[in-house]
Protein backbone atom coordinates (compact mmCIF):
# COMPACT_ATOMS: atom_id res chain seq x y z
CA MET A 1 45.22 -25.60 -14.33
CA PRO A 2 44.60 -26.21 -18.04
CA SER A 3 42.46 -23.60 -19.66
CA SER A 4 39.22 -24.56 -21.33
CA PRO A 5 39.70 -25.10 -25.06
CA ALA A 6 37.72 -22.69 -27.17
CA ARG A 7 34.76 -24.07 -29.02
CA LEU A 8 34.98 -24.34 -32.76
CA SER A 9 33.02 -21.63 -34.50
CA HIS A 10 31.81 -21.94 -38.06
CA PRO A 11 31.91 -19.08 -40.54
CA ALA A 12 28.62 -17.62 -41.67
CA ASN A 13 28.38 -19.95 -44.62
CA PRO A 14 24.78 -20.52 -45.78
CA ALA A 15 25.77 -23.93 -47.11
CA LEU A 16 26.32 -25.12 -43.53
CA HIS A 17 22.77 -24.28 -42.44
CA THR A 18 20.48 -25.01 -45.36
CA SER A 19 17.84 -26.96 -43.45
CA THR A 20 16.80 -28.15 -40.02
CA SER A 21 15.06 -31.25 -41.36
CA PRO A 22 16.61 -34.57 -40.33
CA ARG A 23 18.93 -35.93 -42.99
CA ILE A 24 17.87 -39.48 -42.12
CA PRO A 25 14.40 -39.42 -40.53
CA PRO A 26 14.09 -41.74 -37.51
CA LEU A 27 12.11 -44.90 -38.22
CA PRO A 28 8.76 -45.16 -36.43
CA PRO A 29 8.65 -47.89 -33.75
CA SER A 30 6.32 -49.97 -35.94
CA GLU A 31 9.27 -50.54 -38.30
CA TRP A 32 11.84 -51.45 -35.65
CA PRO A 33 12.91 -55.12 -35.63
CA PRO A 34 11.09 -56.91 -32.79
CA ALA A 35 14.34 -57.91 -31.08
CA LEU A 36 15.56 -54.33 -31.13
CA ARG A 37 12.19 -53.06 -29.94
CA SER A 38 12.38 -55.46 -27.01
CA LEU A 39 15.92 -54.37 -26.19
CA LEU A 40 14.92 -50.73 -26.22
CA ALA A 41 11.84 -51.38 -24.11
CA ASP A 42 14.08 -52.95 -21.47
CA SER A 43 15.87 -49.62 -21.07
CA HIS A 44 12.76 -47.63 -20.09
CA ALA A 45 14.30 -46.90 -16.69
CA ASP A 46 16.98 -44.79 -18.37
CA GLY A 47 14.55 -41.92 -18.79
CA PRO A 48 12.47 -40.30 -21.55
CA GLY A 49 13.55 -38.60 -24.74
CA ARG A 50 15.10 -41.58 -26.53
CA GLU A 51 12.59 -42.42 -29.24
CA ASN A 52 14.14 -40.48 -32.11
CA LEU A 53 17.61 -41.60 -31.04
CA PHE A 54 16.49 -45.22 -31.17
CA GLY A 55 14.57 -44.61 -34.38
CA THR A 56 17.80 -43.37 -35.96
CA LEU A 57 19.78 -46.37 -34.72
CA ALA A 58 17.05 -48.68 -36.04
CA HIS A 59 18.25 -48.01 -39.59
CA HIS A 60 21.18 -50.32 -38.72
CA PRO A 61 19.83 -53.03 -36.34
CA ALA A 62 23.13 -54.86 -35.79
CA LEU A 63 24.96 -51.62 -35.01
CA ALA A 64 22.07 -50.49 -32.81
CA HIS A 65 22.28 -53.73 -30.83
CA ALA A 66 26.04 -53.34 -30.33
CA TRP A 67 25.80 -49.66 -29.40
CA LEU A 68 22.96 -50.22 -26.95
CA SER A 69 24.80 -53.16 -25.40
CA LEU A 70 27.76 -50.89 -24.69
CA ALA A 71 25.46 -48.15 -23.40
CA ARG A 72 23.77 -50.66 -21.11
CA VAL A 73 27.12 -51.77 -19.66
CA LEU A 74 28.19 -48.17 -19.05
CA THR A 75 24.85 -47.30 -17.49
CA HIS A 76 24.11 -50.37 -15.38
CA GLU A 77 27.47 -52.07 -14.88
CA GLY A 78 29.78 -49.08 -14.85
CA THR A 79 32.15 -48.35 -11.99
CA LEU A 80 32.18 -44.55 -12.15
CA GLY A 81 28.81 -44.27 -10.44
CA HIS A 82 25.68 -42.57 -11.70
CA ARG A 83 26.58 -39.04 -10.61
CA ARG A 84 30.02 -39.00 -12.20
CA ARG A 85 28.69 -40.68 -15.34
CA GLU A 86 26.08 -37.97 -15.85
CA LEU A 87 28.65 -35.23 -15.23
CA VAL A 88 30.79 -36.71 -18.01
CA VAL A 89 27.87 -37.03 -20.43
CA LEU A 90 26.50 -33.54 -19.77
CA ARG A 91 29.87 -31.80 -20.05
CA THR A 92 30.84 -33.72 -23.19
CA ALA A 93 27.47 -33.00 -24.82
CA HIS A 94 27.77 -29.32 -23.94
CA ARG A 95 31.29 -29.03 -25.39
CA LEU A 96 30.08 -30.65 -28.63
CA ASP A 97 26.95 -28.47 -28.83
CA ALA A 98 24.77 -31.58 -28.80
CA ALA A 99 21.46 -30.25 -27.52
CA TYR A 100 19.66 -33.57 -28.04
CA VAL A 101 22.03 -35.49 -25.77
CA TYR A 102 22.33 -32.68 -23.22
CA GLU A 103 18.57 -32.19 -22.80
CA ARG A 104 17.95 -35.93 -22.81
CA HIS A 105 20.35 -36.41 -19.86
CA ARG A 106 18.89 -33.72 -17.63
CA THR A 107 16.42 -36.22 -16.18
CA PRO A 108 18.88 -39.05 -15.41
CA ALA A 109 21.30 -36.44 -14.03
CA ALA A 110 18.67 -35.27 -11.56
CA GLN A 111 17.92 -38.89 -10.69
CA ALA A 112 21.64 -39.38 -10.05
CA GLY A 113 21.58 -36.63 -7.43
CA LEU A 114 22.69 -33.55 -9.36
CA THR A 115 20.84 -30.41 -8.32
CA ALA A 116 19.31 -28.05 -10.87
CA GLU A 117 22.16 -25.61 -10.16
CA GLU A 118 24.78 -28.31 -10.74
CA ILE A 119 23.17 -29.38 -14.01
CA GLU A 120 23.27 -25.79 -15.25
CA ALA A 121 26.88 -25.49 -14.08
CA THR A 122 27.93 -28.32 -16.41
CA ALA A 123 27.33 -25.86 -19.26
CA ALA A 124 29.48 -23.11 -17.69
CA ASP A 125 33.16 -22.63 -16.88
CA PRO A 126 33.88 -25.38 -14.33
CA HIS A 127 35.77 -22.91 -12.13
CA THR A 128 32.64 -20.78 -11.59
CA HIS A 129 31.01 -23.52 -9.51
CA PRO A 130 32.29 -24.97 -6.21
CA TRP A 131 32.77 -28.52 -7.52
CA ALA A 132 34.44 -31.08 -5.29
CA PRO A 133 38.11 -31.50 -6.38
CA GLU A 134 37.53 -34.99 -7.83
CA GLU A 135 34.56 -33.72 -9.85
CA LEU A 136 36.41 -30.64 -11.06
CA VAL A 137 39.25 -32.75 -12.45
CA LEU A 138 36.67 -34.98 -14.15
CA LEU A 139 35.09 -31.98 -15.89
CA GLN A 140 38.50 -30.64 -16.88
CA ALA A 141 39.34 -33.99 -18.45
CA CYS A 142 36.08 -33.92 -20.42
CA GLU A 143 37.07 -30.48 -21.77
CA LEU A 144 40.19 -31.95 -23.34
CA LEU A 145 38.78 -35.31 -24.38
CA ALA A 146 35.82 -33.73 -26.16
CA ALA A 147 38.26 -31.55 -28.14
CA ASN A 148 40.57 -34.51 -28.82
CA ALA A 149 43.30 -32.53 -27.06
CA PRO A 150 46.26 -34.06 -25.18
CA VAL A 151 45.76 -34.77 -21.48
CA PRO A 152 48.74 -33.30 -19.57
CA ASP A 153 50.58 -35.53 -17.12
CA GLY A 154 49.61 -33.30 -14.21
CA LEU A 155 45.91 -33.62 -14.97
CA TRP A 156 46.23 -37.35 -15.55
CA ASP A 157 47.99 -37.75 -12.19
CA ARG A 158 45.11 -35.97 -10.48
CA LEU A 159 42.64 -38.21 -12.31
CA ALA A 160 44.61 -41.30 -11.27
CA ARG A 161 44.43 -40.23 -7.63
CA ALA A 162 40.65 -39.81 -7.87
CA LEU A 163 39.81 -42.89 -9.96
CA ARG A 164 40.80 -46.54 -10.01
CA PRO A 165 42.35 -48.00 -13.20
CA GLU A 166 39.08 -49.54 -14.39
CA GLN A 167 37.33 -46.22 -13.80
CA LEU A 168 39.95 -44.39 -15.86
CA VAL A 169 39.37 -46.78 -18.75
CA GLU A 170 35.62 -46.36 -18.35
CA LEU A 171 35.97 -42.57 -18.38
CA LEU A 172 37.70 -42.68 -21.76
CA VAL A 173 35.19 -45.11 -23.25
CA LEU A 174 32.21 -43.20 -21.85
CA THR A 175 33.49 -39.89 -23.21
CA GLY A 176 34.17 -41.46 -26.60
CA GLN A 177 30.78 -43.16 -26.76
CA THR A 178 29.03 -39.92 -25.83
CA ALA A 179 31.03 -37.96 -28.41
CA THR A 180 30.20 -40.53 -31.10
CA MET A 181 26.49 -40.20 -30.50
CA CYS A 182 26.68 -36.40 -30.24
CA THR A 183 28.44 -36.25 -33.60
CA ALA A 184 26.01 -38.64 -35.29
CA LEU A 185 22.90 -36.83 -34.04
CA ASN A 186 24.32 -33.41 -34.86
CA VAL A 187 25.31 -34.35 -38.41
CA LEU A 188 22.00 -36.12 -39.04
CA ARG A 189 20.08 -33.22 -37.45
CA THR A 190 18.05 -35.66 -35.39
CA PRO A 191 15.37 -33.64 -33.56
CA SER A 192 14.28 -34.12 -30.00
CA ASP A 193 11.17 -36.20 -29.47
CA SER A 194 9.12 -33.09 -28.81
CA HIS A 195 9.88 -31.86 -32.35
CA LEU A 196 9.29 -35.09 -34.23
CA SER A 197 6.78 -37.39 -32.64
CA ASP A 198 6.41 -41.04 -33.63
CA PRO A 199 3.69 -43.40 -32.44
CA ALA A 200 4.57 -45.43 -29.39
CA PRO A 201 5.87 -49.00 -29.89
CA SER A 202 2.92 -51.26 -30.43
CA ASP A 203 1.66 -54.27 -32.33
CA SER A 204 -0.04 -52.05 -34.88
CA ALA A 205 -0.14 -52.95 -38.53
CA PRO A 206 3.25 -52.68 -40.24
CA SER A 207 3.99 -50.32 -43.10
CA ASP A 208 3.70 -51.47 -46.71
CA GLY A 209 7.44 -52.19 -46.78
CA ALA A 210 7.27 -54.21 -43.59
CA ALA A 211 4.21 -56.09 -44.85
CA ALA A 212 6.09 -57.01 -48.02
CA ARG A 213 8.96 -58.39 -45.97
CA GLN A 214 6.52 -60.43 -43.90
CA ARG A 215 5.23 -62.17 -47.03
CA ARG A 216 8.67 -63.63 -47.78
CA HIS A 217 9.87 -67.16 -46.99
CA LEU A 218 12.96 -67.45 -44.83
CA THR A 219 15.27 -70.48 -44.60
CA ILE A 220 18.26 -70.64 -42.25
CA ARG A 221 21.48 -72.47 -42.99
CA LEU A 222 23.77 -72.92 -39.99
CA ASP A 223 27.42 -73.96 -40.28
CA ARG A 224 28.19 -75.32 -36.81
CA GLU A 225 31.86 -75.84 -37.72
CA ARG A 226 32.26 -72.08 -38.16
CA CYS A 227 30.35 -71.26 -34.96
CA CYS A 228 32.61 -69.54 -32.41
CA SER A 229 30.12 -69.91 -29.51
CA ALA A 230 29.55 -66.16 -29.12
CA GLY A 231 25.85 -66.74 -28.40
CA GLN A 232 24.71 -63.49 -30.03
CA CYS A 233 22.16 -65.31 -32.15
CA VAL A 234 20.63 -67.01 -29.11
CA GLY A 235 20.17 -63.64 -27.44
CA ALA A 236 18.56 -62.17 -30.55
CA ALA A 237 16.28 -65.11 -31.44
CA PRO A 238 16.04 -67.64 -28.59
CA GLU A 239 13.04 -69.32 -30.20
CA VAL A 240 15.14 -70.21 -33.24
CA PHE A 241 18.66 -70.81 -31.91
CA GLU A 242 19.95 -72.72 -28.89
CA GLN A 243 23.47 -72.91 -27.48
CA SER A 244 24.64 -76.44 -26.73
CA GLU A 245 25.76 -77.11 -23.16
CA ARG A 246 28.04 -79.84 -24.49
CA ASP A 247 30.29 -77.90 -26.86
CA GLY A 248 28.98 -74.32 -26.65
CA ARG A 249 28.09 -74.20 -30.33
CA VAL A 250 24.73 -73.13 -31.60
CA THR A 251 21.98 -75.53 -32.64
CA LEU A 252 19.23 -74.58 -35.04
CA LEU A 253 15.80 -75.21 -33.56
CA VAL A 254 13.67 -73.88 -36.42
CA PRO A 255 15.19 -74.06 -39.94
CA GLU A 256 12.26 -72.21 -41.51
CA PRO A 257 10.99 -69.74 -38.91
CA ASP A 258 7.60 -68.04 -39.03
CA GLN A 259 7.55 -64.45 -40.20
CA GLN A 260 6.99 -63.26 -36.65
CA HIS A 261 10.61 -64.28 -35.97
CA ALA A 262 12.05 -63.08 -39.30
CA ALA A 263 13.38 -59.76 -38.03
CA ASP A 264 14.96 -61.45 -35.00
CA VAL A 265 16.64 -64.00 -37.26
CA ARG A 266 18.02 -61.30 -39.56
CA LEU A 267 19.42 -59.48 -36.55
CA ALA A 268 20.96 -62.75 -35.32
CA ALA A 269 22.66 -63.27 -38.68
CA ASP A 270 23.99 -59.69 -38.65
CA LEU A 271 25.39 -60.15 -35.14
CA CYS A 272 27.12 -63.50 -35.78
CA PRO A 273 30.87 -62.71 -35.63
CA SER A 274 31.90 -65.90 -37.48
CA GLY A 275 29.41 -65.71 -40.34
CA ALA A 276 28.01 -69.13 -39.46
CA ILE A 277 24.42 -68.13 -40.26
CA THR A 278 23.26 -67.84 -43.87
CA LEU A 279 19.74 -66.75 -44.76
CA VAL A 280 17.88 -67.75 -47.89
CA ASP A 281 15.16 -65.17 -48.33
CA THR A 282 12.70 -65.81 -51.16
CA PRO A 283 9.19 -64.57 -52.08
C-alpha cells in the first residue's frame, strides 16, 4: 500500500507568520450583490459556518457564482454519495491544514452518517481505523491528490473497481475544488465565523459605498447577434432578461433597470460568456 506523503513543514521564519488578521476581510452580507445573496441563501441546508467563506467570495461576484454553481452540483447532483463526498472533503482539508474547511464540514459529515469516531479518524493515519476497503482506497487517493503526487496504477485499479467512471471523474474534481478553496482560505487567513462575525443577511441600509452605487444610472445595451444562448443573465436577473423560446437568444425586458436590480444586472454582464451585454453606468 502507498505510504502517506509527509506534510510540508515550514521553517521557523517570522516572515511567514506576521499576522493572523485576514488579508482580504470578508464583505458583510449587506454588501453582497442581491443575486449572490439569494444564491447563498438557497444553500442554507448545507450547514452553518459559511458566512466568512461567502463574504470572501463576494469580492468577485462572477467567480463566486461559478464556484458556488460547481459546489452545488457536487453537493446535490453528485454521484459519489454524501458519505463518500464528506470523507473526501475532510481528508483533503486535513492534509492541507485547512482548519476552516475541516471544521465547517464536521456538521454535514455527521448528517451524511459519519460517526464522531469516523470524523476524527479522517485526521489520522487511515490504517489506524477499520475503514471499509472502498473507503480506505478513497482516503488513500486523497492523500496523493492533495499532495499533487502520482496515483499508482495499482491504487487506480482499486479505485476503478470501487467507483464508476463518472464517480472517478467526480472524485478528481471534488478533490481539486476542495483543495482550491483550502488554499485560498489559508493564504487569505480567512477566519471561521466564530472569530469574525458579520451581521446576518438582511435588507438593512447599505454602506456608504453601496449607497453611492445605488445613486447611479444604469443603461443596458444588448447585442443579440453575439448572444450564445447560455442563459446565465436570465438566471442572474430574470426581471431584466428573458430567453426567447423561438431562437434561444436573450431579450432585454428593461433597458434602464431600477437600482434594486443594478447588482443583479452587473452580475449578469460578468457571467455572459459571449460579451453580449454592455453596461453604461453614469452618475
